[in-house]
Amino acid sequence: MWLAWIGGIAAVAGLVGWAVWQRRVQRRRVDRAIECEKAKQLFRRRREHLEAHCLARASALGTPRGLIWADCDFGDEVAFARDRQTGHLQAFVAVTIRFEAEPGGGMEEVEAVGRLRAATAVFHFDGHDWHTNGRIVFNLTPHETIRRFRREIEPVDLL
């Protein structure tokens, strides 16, 4: 008789625990959706500043060697993803870049130097603000970049 009571109490406790856990999971999803929407709005408001900062940082890195960043056009395409380790959001923006040969850099005679290059600029959200270290992923669109680094990041659908 006591075993039936204990089993019943354990079953009820298990159901209550499961229900509480499900509620927390749902609350976490809602909180993340709100965070994503706020981050997306902040990105839109600060985008021009972030793009200028990204260009300055990327051109200061000195890559590719022997080339000068002549022009960088940021496109409309933006894709968002979440870092699998930190949970922080990242924004990936399509860019078109044009380089010029650095005088004395050994690239003056290379015909391909002036060709436009498609790439993706990377921005990251630390929970409070957007930042960039000037990272540019060449030859990939924002969505291709997310697919390429799918082990480190996961796409976030922000409509």
Protein backbone atom coordinates (compact mmCIF):
# COMPACT_ATOMS: atom_id res chain seq x y z
CA MET A 1 0.00 0.00 0.00
CA TRP A 2 2.77 2.44 0.95
CA LEU A 3 4.68 1.60 -2.18
CA ALA A 4 1.69 2.60 -4.33
CA TRP A 5 1.49 5.94 -2.48
CA ILE A 6 5.19 6.57 -2.86
CA GLY A 7 5.04 5.65 -6.56
CA GLY A 8 2.07 7.97 -7.07
CA ILE A 9 3.81 10.84 -5.30
CA ALA A 10 6.96 10.27 -7.35
CA ALA A 11 4.93 10.29 -10.56
CA VAL A 12 3.17 13.55 -9.62
CA ALA A 13 6.51 15.12 -8.61
CA GLY A 14 7.98 14.04 -11.94
CA LEU A 15 5.09 15.60 -13.88
CA VAL A 16 5.34 18.83 -11.91
CA GLY A 17 9.11 18.96 -12.48
CA TRP A 18 8.65 18.33 -16.18
CA ALA A 19 5.98 21.08 -16.41
CA VAL A 20 8.24 23.58 -14.60
CA TRP A 21 11.14 22.69 -16.89
CA GLN A 22 8.96 23.13 -20.01
CA ARG A 23 7.81 26.53 -18.76
CA ARG A 24 11.42 27.65 -18.24
CA VAL A 25 12.36 26.45 -21.73
CA GLN A 26 9.43 28.39 -23.21
CA ARG A 27 10.32 31.52 -21.19
CA ARG A 28 13.93 31.27 -22.39
CA ARG A 29 12.73 31.08 -26.01
CA VAL A 30 10.55 34.16 -25.55
CA ASP A 31 13.40 36.05 -23.85
CA ARG A 32 15.76 35.16 -26.69
CA ALA A 33 13.22 36.26 -29.30
CA ILE A 34 12.84 39.62 -27.54
CA GLU A 35 16.63 39.97 -27.27
CA CYS A 36 17.00 39.18 -30.97
CA GLU A 37 14.44 41.77 -31.99
CA LYS A 38 16.01 44.48 -29.80
CA ALA A 39 19.47 43.61 -31.13
CA LYS A 40 18.21 43.77 -34.71
CA GLN A 41 16.67 47.22 -34.13
CA LEU A 42 19.89 48.45 -32.53
CA PHE A 43 21.90 47.11 -35.48
CA ARG A 44 19.68 49.07 -37.89
CA ARG A 45 20.12 52.28 -35.88
CA ARG A 46 23.91 51.94 -35.59
CA ARG A 47 24.58 50.33 -38.96
CA GLU A 48 26.22 53.31 -40.66
CA HIS A 49 28.61 53.82 -37.74
CA LEU A 50 29.36 50.08 -37.54
CA GLU A 51 30.10 49.90 -41.26
CA ALA A 52 32.55 52.82 -41.04
CA HIS A 53 34.24 51.22 -38.04
CA CYS A 54 34.43 47.85 -39.82
CA LEU A 55 36.05 49.42 -42.89
CA ALA A 56 38.60 51.27 -40.75
CA ARG A 57 39.48 48.14 -38.78
CA ALA A 58 39.62 45.87 -41.84
CA SER A 59 41.84 48.22 -43.84
CA ALA A 60 44.16 48.69 -40.84
CA LEU A 61 44.78 44.92 -40.65
CA GLY A 62 46.99 45.14 -43.75
CA THR A 63 45.36 42.27 -45.55
CA PRO A 64 45.53 41.38 -48.31
CA ARG A 65 49.23 42.24 -48.32
CA GLY A 66 50.33 44.75 -50.92
CA LEU A 67 46.83 46.12 -51.46
CA ILE A 68 45.02 49.24 -50.31
CA TRP A 69 41.28 49.26 -49.59
CA ALA A 70 40.04 51.68 -52.27
CA ASP A 71 36.28 51.24 -51.85
CA CYS A 72 33.86 49.13 -49.83
CA ASP A 73 30.15 49.07 -50.62
CA PHE A 74 27.91 47.55 -47.95
CA GLY A 75 24.86 45.87 -49.44
CA ASP A 76 21.36 45.43 -48.08
CA GLU A 77 21.68 41.70 -47.42
CA VAL A 78 22.07 40.94 -43.71
CA ALA A 79 21.86 37.53 -42.07
CA PHE A 80 21.90 36.84 -38.34
CA ALA A 81 23.33 33.88 -36.46
CA ARG A 82 24.03 32.90 -32.87
CA ASP A 83 27.42 31.79 -31.57
CA ARG A 84 26.98 28.22 -30.32
CA GLN A 85 29.44 28.72 -27.42
CA THR A 86 28.53 32.16 -26.10
CA GLY A 87 24.96 32.47 -27.35
CA HIS A 88 25.74 35.97 -28.64
CA LEU A 89 24.27 37.20 -31.90
CA GLN A 90 26.30 37.94 -34.99
CA ALA A 91 25.32 39.91 -38.08
CA PHE A 92 26.71 39.14 -41.52
CA VAL A 93 26.50 41.91 -44.15
CA ALA A 94 27.21 41.55 -47.86
CA VAL A 95 30.03 43.82 -49.08
CA THR A 96 31.70 44.55 -52.40
CA ILE A 97 35.34 45.60 -52.09
CA ARG A 98 37.73 47.19 -54.56
CA PHE A 99 41.47 47.24 -53.91
CA GLU A 100 44.33 49.22 -55.40
CA ALA A 101 47.95 48.17 -55.53
CA GLU A 102 50.12 49.64 -52.80
CA PRO A 103 52.99 51.59 -54.38
CA GLY A 104 56.11 49.45 -54.14
CA GLY A 105 54.09 46.51 -52.79
CA GLY A 106 54.78 44.26 -55.76
CA MET A 107 51.16 44.09 -56.90
CA GLU A 108 51.17 46.99 -59.39
CA GLU A 109 51.42 44.69 -62.41
CA VAL A 110 48.72 42.23 -61.29
CA GLU A 111 45.67 42.74 -63.50
CA ALA A 112 43.19 41.26 -61.01
CA VAL A 113 43.97 43.82 -58.29
CA GLY A 114 41.24 46.26 -59.39
CA ARG A 115 38.48 43.66 -59.74
CA LEU A 116 35.52 43.91 -57.40
CA ARG A 117 35.48 41.28 -54.65
CA ALA A 118 32.32 39.93 -53.02
CA ALA A 119 32.64 39.32 -49.30
CA THR A 120 30.84 39.37 -45.96
CA ALA A 121 31.51 41.73 -43.07
CA VAL A 122 31.08 40.23 -39.58
CA PHE A 123 29.61 42.07 -36.59
CA HIS A 124 28.94 40.70 -33.10
CA PHE A 125 26.52 41.64 -30.33
CA ASP A 126 27.77 41.30 -26.75
CA GLY A 127 24.33 41.52 -25.14
CA HIS A 128 24.46 45.32 -24.91
CA ASP A 129 25.94 46.72 -28.12
CA TRP A 130 27.23 45.77 -31.59
CA HIS A 131 30.96 45.62 -32.34
CA THR A 132 33.32 44.62 -35.12
CA ASN A 133 36.96 43.63 -35.27
CA GLY A 134 37.06 44.24 -39.03
CA ARG A 135 36.67 40.58 -39.97
CA ILE A 136 35.84 40.10 -43.64
CA VAL A 137 35.06 36.70 -45.15
CA PHE A 138 35.95 36.81 -48.84
CA ASN A 139 34.08 35.05 -51.66
CA LEU A 140 31.02 34.15 -49.56
CA THR A 141 27.59 35.76 -49.16
CA PRO A 142 26.22 36.19 -45.63
CA HIS A 143 24.14 33.00 -45.86
CA GLU A 144 27.05 31.06 -47.34
CA THR A 145 29.24 32.31 -44.49
CA ILE A 146 26.77 31.00 -41.92
CA ARG A 147 26.65 27.63 -43.70
CA ARG A 148 30.46 27.55 -43.89
CA PHE A 149 30.83 28.12 -40.13
CA ARG A 150 27.78 26.07 -39.08
CA ARG A 151 29.79 24.24 -36.39
CA GLU A 152 30.45 27.54 -34.59
CA ILE A 153 27.21 29.41 -35.34
CA GLU A 154 23.55 28.66 -35.97
CA PRO A 155 21.22 30.74 -38.14
CA VAL A 156 18.67 32.94 -36.40
CA ASP A 157 15.47 33.66 -38.28
CA LEU A 158 14.63 37.32 -37.65
CA LEU A 159 11.74 38.42 -39.83
